[in-house]
């Protein structure tokens, strides 16, 4: 597992925050998407694609073989909206989870548990791990605080090339 603080530079972080602050959120996801988890979601391909591009182009390529995007997910949790333990894909695939709330207090909870490791929620932090690892984002404890995360599910590729694949 790799943890990278200040993952996006200031310009890209501002762009991401602008996209996340609009009236794009749905709860529960009414868009006809099959979903096991009842959390806040953004299902707009133009937003998913642009956010995915920002995150993908920051992956430290010297640490990884080439990867392509299989899925981009924009998720939000508030107190009482629990996620579940899950895996994102088979061994050899990679998950990148970006903590995207602009402000967060450690006392509000919201940690990500990957296997036996607990990663505290911190704005603009990225967590990169093997997609086959069981993980769960913990629900915030503070009411009316939206814990935003953007997830990329990546799979091995022959070269580094970003191509968004709609759900």
Protein backbone atom coordinates (compact mmCIF):
# COMPACT_ATOMS: atom_id res chain seq x y z
CA UNK A 1 0.00 0.00 0.00
CA UNK A 2 1.19 3.49 -0.86
CA UNK A 3 -0.16 6.63 0.85
CA UNK A 4 0.49 9.98 -0.81
CA UNK A 5 -0.48 13.23 0.92
CA UNK A 6 -1.10 16.38 -1.15
CA UNK A 7 -1.71 14.09 -4.11
CA UNK A 8 -3.03 16.77 -6.45
CA UNK A 9 -1.21 20.06 -6.88
CA UNK A 10 -3.11 23.22 -5.89
CA UNK A 11 -4.46 23.92 -9.40
CA UNK A 12 -5.76 20.38 -9.97
CA UNK A 13 -7.12 20.19 -6.42
CA UNK A 14 -9.14 23.39 -7.03
CA UNK A 15 -10.50 21.95 -10.30
CA UNK A 16 -11.57 18.74 -8.53
CA UNK A 17 -13.24 20.65 -5.69
CA UNK A 18 -15.22 22.78 -8.16
CA UNK A 19 -16.57 19.65 -9.88
CA UNK A 20 -17.50 18.06 -6.55
CA UNK A 21 -19.35 21.12 -5.22
CA UNK A 22 -22.23 21.27 -7.69
CA UNK A 23 -25.76 19.84 -7.61
CA UNK A 24 -24.55 16.54 -9.05
CA UNK A 25 -24.98 14.34 -5.98
CA UNK A 26 -27.68 11.66 -5.81
CA UNK A 27 -28.95 9.80 -2.75
CA UNK A 28 -29.90 7.09 -2.97
CA UNK A 29 -28.59 6.51 -6.48
CA UNK A 30 -31.78 6.84 -8.56
CA UNK A 31 -30.09 6.73 -11.96
CA UNK A 32 -30.96 3.08 -12.54
CA UNK A 33 -27.48 1.95 -11.55
CA UNK A 34 -27.22 -1.40 -9.83
CA UNK A 35 -25.58 -0.62 -6.51
CA UNK A 36 -25.13 -2.63 -3.33
CA UNK A 37 -24.29 0.40 -1.22
CA UNK A 38 -26.67 3.22 -0.45
CA UNK A 39 -24.29 6.19 -0.29
CA UNK A 40 -24.16 9.54 -2.08
CA UNK A 41 -22.95 9.24 -5.71
CA UNK A 42 -22.13 11.29 -8.75
CA UNK A 43 -23.00 9.33 -11.90
CA UNK A 44 -22.27 12.01 -14.50
CA UNK A 45 -19.81 10.66 -17.10
CA UNK A 46 -18.31 14.08 -17.86
CA UNK A 47 -17.47 14.63 -14.16
CA UNK A 48 -16.28 11.05 -13.58
CA UNK A 49 -14.08 11.30 -16.67
CA UNK A 50 -12.47 14.62 -15.71
CA UNK A 51 -11.89 13.59 -12.09
CA UNK A 52 -10.46 10.27 -13.23
CA UNK A 53 -8.10 12.08 -15.60
CA UNK A 54 -6.81 14.32 -12.78
CA UNK A 55 -6.10 11.34 -10.52
CA UNK A 56 -4.73 9.05 -13.24
CA UNK A 57 -2.17 11.58 -14.42
CA UNK A 58 -0.73 11.88 -10.91
CA UNK A 59 0.02 8.17 -10.42
CA UNK A 60 3.75 7.82 -9.65
CA UNK A 61 4.71 5.85 -12.76
CA UNK A 62 8.13 4.93 -11.40
CA UNK A 63 6.36 2.70 -8.83
CA UNK A 64 3.96 0.92 -11.20
CA UNK A 65 3.75 -0.89 -14.52
CA UNK A 66 1.42 0.73 -17.07
CA UNK A 67 -2.27 0.69 -16.12
CA UNK A 68 -5.55 1.67 -17.72
CA UNK A 69 -8.80 2.71 -16.08
CA UNK A 70 -11.51 0.11 -15.67
CA UNK A 71 -13.86 2.23 -13.51
CA UNK A 72 -14.13 5.65 -11.87
CA UNK A 73 -16.44 6.07 -8.87
CA UNK A 74 -17.35 9.27 -7.02
CA UNK A 75 -18.75 8.45 -3.57
CA UNK A 76 -19.93 10.38 -0.54
CA UNK A 77 -20.87 9.24 2.95
CA UNK A 78 -22.61 11.05 5.74
CA UNK A 79 -23.32 9.81 9.26
CA UNK A 80 -25.69 6.85 8.96
CA UNK A 81 -24.82 5.93 5.35
CA UNK A 82 -22.70 2.85 5.78
CA UNK A 83 -20.62 1.29 3.08
CA UNK A 84 -19.64 -2.39 3.20
CA UNK A 85 -16.53 -4.55 3.12
CA UNK A 86 -15.61 -5.34 -0.47
CA UNK A 87 -12.87 -5.92 -3.01
CA UNK A 88 -12.58 -3.87 -6.19
CA UNK A 89 -11.10 -6.47 -8.52
CA UNK A 90 -8.75 -9.41 -9.00
CA UNK A 91 -5.17 -9.64 -7.79
CA UNK A 92 -2.86 -7.64 -10.04
CA UNK A 93 -5.38 -4.84 -10.50
CA UNK A 94 -4.86 -1.62 -8.55
CA UNK A 95 -7.22 0.61 -6.57
CA UNK A 96 -6.55 4.28 -6.03
CA UNK A 97 -8.79 6.01 -3.48
CA UNK A 98 -8.56 9.79 -3.20
CA UNK A 99 -9.94 11.52 -0.11
CA UNK A 100 -11.68 14.51 -1.67
CA UNK A 101 -13.51 16.46 1.03
CA UNK A 102 -11.96 19.94 1.15
CA UNK A 103 -11.95 20.12 4.97
CA UNK A 104 -11.85 17.28 7.47
CA UNK A 105 -11.34 16.99 11.21
CA UNK A 106 -9.75 13.76 12.44
CA UNK A 107 -12.42 13.55 15.17
CA UNK A 108 -15.09 13.05 12.48
CA UNK A 109 -13.79 9.55 11.70
CA UNK A 110 -14.09 8.34 8.11
CA UNK A 111 -10.94 6.21 8.04
CA UNK A 112 -10.36 3.67 5.28
CA UNK A 113 -9.53 0.16 6.44
CA UNK A 114 -7.55 -1.94 3.95
CA UNK A 115 -6.94 -5.45 5.25
CA UNK A 116 -5.51 -4.88 8.73
CA UNK A 117 -4.33 -1.33 8.01
CA UNK A 118 -6.24 1.79 9.03
CA UNK A 119 -5.67 4.94 6.98
CA UNK A 120 -6.97 8.15 8.53
CA UNK A 121 -9.04 10.39 6.29
CA UNK A 122 -7.13 13.51 5.27
CA UNK A 123 -8.12 15.86 2.42
CA UNK A 124 -6.15 15.37 -0.82
CA UNK A 125 -4.64 12.06 0.33
CA UNK A 126 -4.41 9.12 -2.08
CA UNK A 127 -4.24 5.48 -1.02
CA UNK A 128 -3.05 2.99 -3.64
CA UNK A 129 -3.34 -0.77 -3.07
CA UNK A 130 -3.98 -4.11 -4.75
CA UNK A 131 -7.67 -4.28 -5.75
CA UNK A 132 -8.01 -7.79 -4.33
CA UNK A 133 -7.58 -6.53 -0.75
CA UNK A 134 -10.71 -6.42 1.36
CA UNK A 135 -11.43 -2.84 2.41
CA UNK A 136 -14.13 -0.59 3.83
CA UNK A 137 -14.55 3.16 4.21
CA UNK A 138 -15.82 4.00 7.68
CA UNK A 139 -18.78 6.31 8.05
CA UNK A 140 -18.22 9.80 9.44
CA UNK A 141 -19.36 10.29 13.02
CA UNK A 142 -20.17 14.00 12.65
CA UNK A 143 -23.67 14.70 11.27
CA UNK A 144 -23.95 16.74 8.06
CA UNK A 145 -20.34 16.20 7.01
CA UNK A 146 -19.83 14.65 3.58
CA UNK A 147 -16.87 12.26 3.37
CA UNK A 148 -16.02 12.34 -0.35
CA UNK A 149 -13.83 9.77 -2.05
CA UNK A 150 -12.99 9.17 -5.67
CA UNK A 151 -11.99 5.64 -6.59
CA UNK A 152 -10.11 4.43 -9.63
CA UNK A 153 -10.05 0.73 -10.44
CA UNK A 154 -7.04 0.18 -12.66
CA UNK A 155 -5.95 -2.87 -14.62
CA UNK A 156 -2.65 -3.78 -16.29
CA UNK A 157 -2.07 -2.29 -19.74
CA UNK A 158 0.62 -2.20 -22.41
CA UNK A 159 1.12 1.56 -22.06
CA UNK A 160 0.06 4.56 -19.99
CA UNK A 161 -2.97 6.03 -21.74
CA UNK A 162 -6.04 7.51 -20.08
CA UNK A 163 -9.35 6.41 -21.54
CA UNK A 164 -12.52 6.83 -19.50
CA UNK A 165 -14.92 3.87 -19.61
CA UNK A 166 -18.50 4.82 -18.63
CA UNK A 167 -20.32 2.52 -16.20
